[in-house]
Structures are given as structure tokens and as C-alpha cells.
Amino acid sequence: MIELSHITRVFTAGARDVRALDDVSLTIPDGEIFGLIGSSGAGKSTLLRCINLLERPDSGEVRVHGVDMLGLGRGALSAERRGIGMIFQQFNLLDSATVFDNIAMPMRLAGVPTDRIRARVDELLGFVELSDKATTYPPRLSGGQKQRVGIARALANNPRILLADEATSALDPETTDSILALLKRVNRELGVTVVIVTHEMQVIAKTCHRVAVMSHGRIVEEGPVLDVFSDPRERITRRFVRTIIDDRVPEALVEKIRATPENYETWRLTYAGEASAGSSLAEVNKTHDVTTSLLYASVHEIDGVVLGVLVVQAKGTPEVLDAAKQYLRDAGVGVRQQDLDEMAHDEGNAA
């Protein structure tokens, strides 16, 4: 388990102090794929690097599997860091060393016997599907192959945790998907806890079990990925979610809704897995004195679960609308009343 408690980190930039992390607390259970997302400068990479103390916080507590990392001496800290692998956006491979030697390096530094190093490197090359590249030098590899070498190197000493700092940001979409699939294998087959820093919500949707959204050095929203996509609470979270589920309604249609003479509400409906908002909504129209108009609909796969999103205008008396919303909730449909301005406006750029 990773436990970060009241982490603060301040950098000096010229004549002013910049609070990169502001009293951040976070717990990541063993076996999860956990995502940290935020705009540039939000503090996500700084927080990630506090886990293995590549960045030392000015205050707070860092515990990894119960060990107080800040209380360790240099030798003990080095030993603990061997249990925490890390991969980077720019791969950080040695161009003058072969793929085999890049992967072997952490084991050589740890004093692992030569025969065990060879066996482990061969095993890892097979795992990352690069068995034919052992004698190749990094400049002759593609970006995706370089990141696979980086993952193999990070796994060399059998870590229990893998930190991924923008590991797919330099890759094309197809290669990104292949690297994310590999990280899921690392988690599923090896039992490694994976912590991913990204500014791309697509990475979160395809890979992570839980996510924390960061802004200005603080965590502003946290929870299971499906819950965050279903019902984003904070403005910045809605902006990130809309990079995948763009549930905004055209301004012209919003103005038409505003002119509706009858009493109405606009609802954002969500359903996951076996539930169906469409059939439940049809039943509401039959059993309640409610008229609904569909404004938006989409279906996405989030963390391996089908998530449907509908935005509707519902007309009826306040009492009937309340009863209809309760009927939908009882049927397993998420219902959130939505403000018209929120429906129409972009609310800024997320990334």
C-alpha cells in the first residue's frame, strides 16, 4: 500500500515560491492501477516522484508497504527503491548500451549474479515481446519498442510498484494502446501496483481502476474511474471527462429549451453494465405524466464496463418530475439535474 499524508512541496522560482503540492493526502491499495490526471503544472508528476523520493516533500509523510520512506538512511532507501520501478516519457535508455544491457543494468547495480541476470533479462524480453532485440541499440528502435525496453528495465528487480510518468505522451495512438495493454498485463499477471501520471483521460478510461484529479497542487476529486466518468463533480473533472464524453448541447438548442413554456428540467442520465436508461425512460413516459426529449446520447467502455450517457429535457409538474427521477434511480439509472449553462459551455481547455 502507498500512503501519502499531508504532502507539501514548494519550489522557488525567481523571487517567488511556487506551491507544487499543497497538503495532499492519498492512499493507493496494493494491486490497483491508479491514475493521476491534471493539466500541466497541476503537481501530478511531483506527487508521483514523492512516492520513491526522487522528489522529497518539504513536509508530510510517505509510507510504502508500511515503511516510513523519509526516515530511511541512504542504504536502506536504495534497497526500498529497488521495489519501485519507474518508466518515463522520454524512455531514459542508454543509447550506447544494447537492449540486453539496458535491462540488465539495475540488476548489475544491485549485485545480482551474472547467470541470474541473463535468465531474468531473457524472461523479460519475452514478456515485453522483444526477444529478437537483445543485441539491438536503442537508436534503432521505434518509440513503442523503447518504452517496452523501459518497462522491462523497470521490472528487472521484481518491484511491487511501477510508476509511469507520462509514459505514452510521446507515442502515436496505436502504440499507446499497445503500451497500455502491456501495463495492464504487468498489473494482472505480475500483481504489480501501477501508478500512472497522464493528462489524457483516454488513458484513464482504458487502463485505471481509480483516479485522482489534480489542480493547483491539490487533489480536487478522487474515486473509481467509472464513478468519476458517470458523475464528475468538479468543473475541471467535467472538462477532462468531456474530452471523451462530450455531452454539451448546441447553443441554439439550449436557447430553444429556455423558451419552453411548460415546466421542465434537464437531466443527465447514466447507466452501467446491464442497466438501460433507454428502456427505463420509455417506461417513465408510459407510467408518469412526463414528456421527454433526447438531447444527447453516447455509449463508452470505461474500465471494462459499458457506460451509457443520455441528456434529456423532461416536461411535467415538479411533483411528477420528482417521482419520475426516483423511478429512474430505483431502476439503477444515475440522475443528475443539469444546468443549461453547464450543458452548452466548454468550461475551458482541460489539457
Protein backbone atom coordinates (compact mmCIF):
# COMPACT_ATOMS: atom_id res chain seq x y z
CA MET A 1 0.00 0.00 0.00
CA ILE A 2 1.14 3.54 -0.81
CA GLU A 3 0.21 6.16 1.79
CA LEU A 4 0.92 9.85 1.26
CA SER A 5 -0.15 12.09 4.14
CA HIS A 6 -0.28 15.90 4.08
CA ILE A 7 2.41 16.22 1.42
CA THR A 8 3.65 19.75 0.70
CA ARG A 9 6.35 20.70 -1.79
CA VAL A 10 7.41 24.27 -2.53
CA PHE A 11 9.79 25.36 -5.32
CA THR A 12 11.48 28.73 -5.59
CA ALA A 13 11.05 30.41 -8.96
CA GLY A 14 12.96 33.66 -9.05
CA ALA A 15 11.67 35.87 -6.27
CA ARG A 16 8.54 33.86 -5.54
CA ASP A 17 7.65 30.48 -4.09
CA VAL A 18 5.54 28.04 -6.07
CA ARG A 19 3.50 25.55 -4.05
CA ALA A 20 3.65 22.49 -6.31
CA LEU A 21 1.89 20.28 -3.73
CA ASP A 22 -0.41 21.71 -1.10
CA ASP A 23 -1.30 19.37 1.78
CA VAL A 24 -2.00 16.34 -0.43
CA SER A 25 -3.10 13.03 1.09
CA LEU A 26 -3.63 9.87 -0.95
CA THR A 27 -3.85 6.11 -0.34
CA ILE A 28 -3.32 3.56 -3.13
CA PRO A 29 -4.11 -0.08 -2.19
CA ASP A 30 -1.95 -2.94 -3.44
CA GLY A 31 -2.86 -4.37 -6.83
CA GLU A 32 -4.53 -1.28 -8.30
CA ILE A 33 -3.87 0.66 -11.47
CA PHE A 34 -4.23 4.20 -10.18
CA GLY A 35 -4.30 7.31 -12.35
CA LEU A 36 -3.20 10.86 -11.56
CA ILE A 37 -4.56 13.36 -14.08
CA GLY A 38 -4.32 17.12 -14.31
CA SER A 39 -3.31 19.99 -16.54
CA SER A 40 0.33 20.99 -16.94
CA GLY A 41 1.68 22.31 -13.64
CA ALA A 42 -1.05 20.64 -11.55
CA GLY A 43 1.56 18.79 -9.45
CA LYS A 44 0.87 15.24 -10.61
CA SER A 45 4.46 14.34 -11.63
CA THR A 46 5.83 15.91 -8.46
CA LEU A 47 3.44 13.81 -6.39
CA LEU A 48 4.41 10.66 -8.28
CA ARG A 49 8.10 11.29 -7.66
CA CYS A 50 7.43 11.73 -3.95
CA ILE A 51 6.48 8.03 -3.78
CA ASN A 52 10.08 6.90 -4.42
CA LEU A 53 11.56 10.14 -3.06
CA LEU A 54 13.07 11.29 -6.33
CA GLU A 55 11.31 14.40 -5.06
CA ARG A 56 11.47 14.90 -1.30
CA PRO A 57 8.47 16.70 0.18
CA ASP A 58 9.02 19.68 2.45
CA SER A 59 6.52 18.27 4.90
CA GLY A 60 4.24 15.27 5.25
CA GLU A 61 4.70 11.51 5.41
CA VAL A 62 5.43 8.90 2.72
CA ARG A 63 4.82 5.24 3.59
CA VAL A 64 5.25 2.37 1.13
CA HIS A 65 4.13 -1.05 2.40
CA GLY A 66 4.27 0.37 5.91
CA VAL A 67 7.85 1.70 5.61
CA ASP A 68 8.47 5.34 6.51
CA MET A 69 10.45 6.33 3.42
CA LEU A 70 11.50 9.73 4.78
CA GLY A 71 13.03 8.10 7.84
CA LEU A 72 15.40 5.83 5.90
CA GLY A 73 19.14 6.30 5.52
CA ARG A 74 20.78 6.23 2.09
CA GLY A 75 21.44 2.47 2.01
CA ALA A 76 18.01 1.47 3.26
CA LEU A 77 16.34 3.92 0.86
CA SER A 78 18.24 2.43 -2.09
CA ALA A 79 17.05 -1.02 -1.06
CA GLU A 80 13.42 0.12 -0.83
CA ARG A 81 13.66 1.87 -4.20
CA ARG A 82 14.53 -1.44 -5.84
CA GLY A 83 10.95 -2.43 -5.09
CA ILE A 84 9.63 0.59 -7.03
CA GLY A 85 10.18 0.58 -10.80
CA MET A 86 9.70 3.68 -12.93
CA ILE A 87 9.19 4.48 -16.62
CA PHE A 88 9.41 7.88 -18.29
CA GLN A 89 8.03 9.86 -21.22
CA GLN A 90 11.44 10.05 -22.94
CA PHE A 91 12.38 6.43 -22.09
CA ASN A 92 15.77 7.36 -20.49
CA LEU A 93 17.65 4.49 -22.14
CA LEU A 94 21.42 4.41 -22.68
CA ASP A 95 21.98 4.72 -26.44
CA SER A 96 25.49 3.26 -26.12
CA ALA A 97 24.22 0.05 -24.49
CA THR A 98 22.30 -2.81 -26.08
CA VAL A 99 18.73 -3.63 -25.13
CA PHE A 100 20.07 -6.54 -23.06
CA ASP A 101 22.49 -4.30 -21.16
CA ASN A 102 19.86 -1.59 -20.55
CA ILE A 103 17.57 -4.15 -18.93
CA ALA A 104 20.43 -5.78 -17.02
CA MET A 105 21.72 -2.50 -15.54
CA PRO A 106 19.51 -2.35 -12.39
CA MET A 107 20.43 -5.94 -11.53
CA ARG A 108 24.14 -5.33 -12.02
CA LEU A 109 23.92 -2.30 -9.72
CA ALA A 110 22.15 -4.50 -7.15
CA GLY A 111 24.90 -7.14 -7.33
CA VAL A 112 22.79 -9.90 -8.88
CA PRO A 113 24.89 -12.85 -10.15
CA THR A 114 25.56 -12.93 -13.90
CA ASP A 115 23.70 -16.20 -14.58
CA ARG A 116 20.58 -14.89 -12.85
CA ILE A 117 20.82 -11.63 -14.79
CA ARG A 118 20.88 -13.45 -18.12
CA ALA A 119 17.91 -15.62 -17.20
CA ARG A 120 15.91 -12.64 -15.94
CA VAL A 121 16.66 -10.48 -19.00
CA ASP A 122 15.64 -13.31 -21.33
CA GLU A 123 12.41 -13.73 -19.35
CA LEU A 124 11.62 -10.02 -19.51
CA LEU A 125 12.41 -9.76 -23.22
CA GLY A 126 9.84 -12.48 -23.78
CA PHE A 127 7.29 -10.75 -21.56
CA VAL A 128 7.56 -7.44 -23.47
CA GLU A 129 7.73 -9.27 -26.84
CA LEU A 130 11.25 -8.13 -27.80
CA SER A 131 13.16 -11.43 -27.67
CA ASP A 132 14.74 -10.68 -31.05
CA LYS A 133 16.07 -7.26 -29.96
CA ALA A 134 18.57 -8.25 -27.23
CA THR A 135 21.64 -7.07 -29.18
CA THR A 136 19.95 -4.02 -30.75
CA TYR A 137 20.87 -0.48 -29.67
CA PRO A 138 18.05 1.96 -28.67
CA PRO A 139 18.53 4.39 -31.61
CA ARG A 140 17.40 1.56 -33.92
CA LEU A 141 14.15 1.01 -32.01
CA SER A 142 10.75 2.61 -32.50
CA GLY A 143 9.22 4.69 -29.72
CA GLY A 144 6.96 1.83 -28.66
CA GLN A 145 9.87 -0.61 -28.58
CA LYS A 146 11.91 1.82 -26.48
CA GLN A 147 9.09 2.06 -23.95
CA ARG A 148 8.84 -1.74 -23.84
CA VAL A 149 12.55 -1.84 -23.01
CA GLY A 150 11.90 0.79 -20.33
CA ILE A 151 9.15 -1.36 -18.83
CA ALA A 152 11.39 -4.45 -18.88
CA ARG A 153 14.18 -2.50 -17.16
CA ALA A 154 11.73 -1.20 -14.53
CA LEU A 155 10.64 -4.79 -13.81
CA ALA A 156 14.19 -6.18 -13.60
CA ASN A 157 14.37 -6.32 -9.78
CA ASN A 158 10.82 -7.69 -9.37
CA PRO A 159 9.25 -4.49 -8.00
CA ARG A 160 5.86 -4.47 -6.30
CA ILE A 161 5.14 -0.96 -7.61
CA LEU A 162 5.58 0.57 -11.08
CA LEU A 163 5.43 4.36 -11.55
CA ALA A 164 4.63 5.60 -15.06
CA ASP A 165 5.28 9.31 -15.67
CA GLU A 166 3.52 10.33 -18.92
CA ALA A 167 4.73 7.03 -20.38
CA THR A 168 2.57 7.25 -23.54
CA SER A 169 2.65 11.01 -24.23
CA ALA A 170 5.35 10.69 -26.92
CA LEU A 171 3.62 7.79 -28.71
CA ASP A 172 1.06 7.57 -31.50
CA PRO A 173 -2.46 6.31 -30.62
CA GLU A 174 -1.95 2.72 -31.83
CA THR A 175 1.35 2.36 -29.97
CA THR A 176 -0.20 3.98 -26.90
CA ASP A 177 -2.89 1.28 -26.86
CA SER A 178 -0.26 -1.46 -27.04
CA ILE A 179 1.74 0.02 -24.13
CA LEU A 180 -1.41 0.44 -22.03
CA ALA A 181 -2.30 -3.20 -22.73
CA LEU A 182 1.20 -4.19 -21.56
CA LEU A 183 0.82 -2.18 -18.34
CA LYS A 184 -2.48 -3.96 -17.69
CA ARG A 185 -0.66 -7.30 -18.14
CA VAL A 186 2.01 -6.16 -15.66
CA ASN A 187 -0.74 -5.49 -13.15
CA ARG A 188 -2.86 -8.56 -13.88
CA GLU A 189 -0.18 -11.24 -14.38
CA LEU A 190 2.58 -9.98 -12.07
CA GLY A 191 0.42 -8.38 -9.35
CA VAL A 192 2.31 -5.09 -9.61
CA THR A 193 0.62 -1.91 -8.39
CA VAL A 194 0.78 0.63 -11.23
CA VAL A 195 0.54 4.42 -10.74
CA ILE A 196 0.07 6.38 -13.98
CA VAL A 197 0.51 10.12 -14.46
CA THR A 198 -1.19 11.48 -17.57
CA HIS A 199 -3.03 14.46 -18.99
CA GLU A 200 -5.10 12.22 -21.29
CA MET A 201 -8.45 11.00 -19.99
CA GLN A 202 -8.44 8.24 -22.61
CA VAL A 203 -5.50 6.64 -20.78
CA ILE A 204 -7.50 6.72 -17.54
CA ALA A 205 -10.61 5.23 -19.19
CA LYS A 206 -8.74 2.34 -20.82
CA THR A 207 -6.38 1.41 -18.02
CA CYS A 208 -7.11 2.62 -14.49
CA HIS A 209 -9.29 1.31 -11.66
CA ARG A 210 -9.32 4.58 -9.71
CA VAL A 211 -8.29 8.15 -10.49
CA ALA A 212 -7.40 11.37 -8.67
CA VAL A 213 -7.85 14.70 -10.45
CA MET A 214 -5.28 17.35 -9.54
CA SER A 215 -5.41 21.14 -9.89
CA HIS A 216 -3.02 23.75 -8.48
CA GLY A 217 -1.20 21.27 -6.27
CA ARG A 218 -4.28 19.70 -4.71
CA ILE A 219 -6.47 16.64 -5.31
CA VAL A 220 -9.90 18.04 -6.15
CA GLU A 221 -11.72 14.78 -6.94
CA GLU A 222 -10.96 11.10 -6.42
CA GLY A 223 -12.79 7.83 -6.88
CA PRO A 224 -13.39 4.74 -9.02
CA VAL A 225 -12.94 5.60 -12.69
CA LEU A 226 -16.49 4.56 -13.60
CA ASP A 227 -17.95 6.79 -10.88
CA VAL A 228 -15.88 9.79 -11.95
CA PHE A 229 -16.95 9.40 -15.59
CA SER A 230 -20.58 8.81 -14.60
CA ASP A 231 -20.92 11.81 -12.33
CA PRO A 232 -17.99 14.27 -12.42
CA ARG A 233 -18.43 16.76 -9.61
CA GLU A 234 -15.73 19.38 -10.14
CA ARG A 235 -15.52 21.75 -13.08
CA ILE A 236 -12.04 20.60 -14.11
CA THR A 237 -13.15 16.95 -13.90
CA ARG A 238 -16.08 17.66 -16.21
CA ARG A 239 -13.65 19.25 -18.66
CA PHE A 240 -11.47 16.14 -18.69
CA VAL A 241 -14.47 13.79 -18.98
CA ARG A 242 -15.77 15.82 -21.92
CA THR A 243 -12.62 15.02 -23.90
CA ILE A 244 -14.23 11.57 -24.22
CA ILE A 245 -17.93 12.05 -23.41
CA ASP A 246 -18.73 15.43 -24.96
CA ASP A 247 -22.26 15.81 -23.64
CA ARG A 248 -22.55 19.50 -24.45
CA VAL A 249 -25.68 20.64 -26.29
CA PRO A 250 -25.52 23.20 -29.16
CA GLU A 251 -26.22 26.77 -28.03
CA ALA A 252 -29.10 27.13 -30.50
CA LEU A 253 -30.85 24.12 -28.96
CA VAL A 254 -30.22 25.43 -25.45
CA GLU A 255 -31.91 28.72 -26.37
CA LYS A 256 -34.88 26.77 -27.74
CA ILE A 257 -35.10 24.85 -24.45
CA ARG A 258 -35.00 28.11 -22.48
CA ALA A 259 -38.07 29.27 -24.41
CA THR A 260 -40.10 26.17 -23.44
CA PRO A 261 -43.38 27.45 -21.90
CA GLU A 262 -44.07 24.29 -19.88
CA ASN A 263 -42.35 23.45 -16.62
CA TYR A 264 -39.23 21.39 -17.41
CA GLU A 265 -35.90 20.10 -16.16
CA THR A 266 -32.82 18.85 -17.99
CA TRP A 267 -31.34 15.58 -16.75
CA ARG A 268 -28.03 13.81 -17.30
CA LEU A 269 -28.78 10.09 -17.07
CA THR A 270 -26.08 7.43 -16.70
CA TYR A 271 -26.25 3.66 -16.66
CA ALA A 272 -23.60 0.99 -16.43
CA GLY A 273 -23.43 -2.68 -17.34
CA GLU A 274 -26.80 -4.41 -17.61
CA ALA A 275 -28.93 -1.35 -16.75
CA SER A 276 -30.64 0.53 -19.59
CA ALA A 277 -31.65 4.18 -19.33
CA GLY A 278 -33.46 3.99 -22.67
CA SER A 279 -35.97 1.32 -21.64
CA SER A 280 -36.40 2.90 -18.20
CA LEU A 281 -37.03 6.28 -19.80
CA ALA A 282 -39.62 4.77 -22.12
CA GLU A 283 -41.35 3.22 -19.11
CA VAL A 284 -41.35 6.60 -17.33
CA ASN A 285 -43.13 8.16 -20.31
CA LYS A 286 -45.79 5.46 -20.09
CA THR A 287 -46.35 5.41 -16.33
CA HIS A 288 -45.81 9.08 -15.43
CA ASP A 289 -47.29 12.23 -16.90
CA VAL A 290 -43.88 13.19 -18.28
CA THR A 291 -42.74 14.10 -21.78
CA THR A 292 -39.04 13.64 -22.55
CA SER A 293 -36.89 14.82 -25.47
CA LEU A 294 -33.46 13.31 -26.13
CA LEU A 295 -30.68 15.91 -26.44
CA TYR A 296 -27.56 13.71 -26.33
CA ALA A 297 -26.69 10.00 -26.19
CA SER A 298 -23.45 8.00 -26.16
CA VAL A 299 -22.04 4.64 -25.09
CA HIS A 300 -18.42 4.12 -23.98
CA GLU A 301 -16.32 1.41 -22.37
CA ILE A 302 -14.82 2.70 -19.10
CA ASP A 303 -12.57 0.42 -17.02
CA GLY A 304 -14.02 -2.56 -18.88
CA VAL A 305 -17.65 -1.60 -18.18
CA VAL A 306 -20.16 -0.20 -20.67
CA LEU A 307 -21.24 3.30 -19.61
CA GLY A 308 -24.20 4.98 -21.30
CA VAL A 309 -24.92 8.71 -21.01
CA LEU A 310 -28.15 10.44 -22.02
CA VAL A 311 -29.09 14.11 -21.70
CA VAL A 312 -32.84 14.74 -21.85
CA GLN A 313 -35.34 17.50 -21.40
CA ALA A 314 -38.25 16.37 -19.21
CA LYS A 315 -41.56 18.27 -19.08
CA GLY A 316 -44.10 17.92 -16.31
CA THR A 317 -45.17 19.28 -12.95
CA PRO A 318 -42.48 19.46 -10.22
CA GLU A 319 -44.16 16.63 -8.30
CA VAL A 320 -44.35 14.36 -11.35
CA LEU A 321 -40.73 15.10 -12.32
CA ASP A 322 -39.55 14.23 -8.80
CA ALA A 323 -41.45 10.94 -8.95
CA ALA A 324 -40.02 10.16 -12.39
CA LYS A 325 -36.45 10.80 -11.19
CA GLN A 326 -36.98 8.48 -8.24
CA TYR A 327 -38.37 5.80 -10.57
CA LEU A 328 -35.23 6.01 -12.72
CA ARG A 329 -32.93 5.86 -9.68
CA ASP A 330 -34.77 2.80 -8.40
CA ALA A 331 -34.15 1.21 -11.83
CA GLY A 332 -30.40 1.69 -11.42
CA VAL A 333 -30.09 4.82 -13.56
CA GLY A 334 -28.00 7.74 -12.31
CA VAL A 335 -29.89 11.03 -12.49
CA ARG A 336 -28.40 14.47 -12.12
CA GLN A 337 -30.30 17.67 -12.87
CA GLN A 338 -28.18 19.75 -15.22
CA ASP A 339 -27.89 23.50 -15.55
CA LEU A 340 -28.43 24.82 -19.07
CA ASP A 341 -25.25 26.91 -18.99
CA GLU A 342 -23.27 23.84 -17.94
CA MET A 343 -24.78 21.90 -20.85
CA ALA A 344 -23.76 24.42 -23.50
CA HIS A 345 -20.39 25.78 -22.45
CA ASP A 346 -16.94 24.25 -22.85
CA GLU A 347 -15.70 25.46 -19.41
CA GLY A 348 -12.16 25.84 -20.79
CA ASN A 349 -9.41 23.58 -22.06
CA ALA A 350 -8.64 20.51 -19.95
CA ALA A 351 -5.16 19.62 -21.09
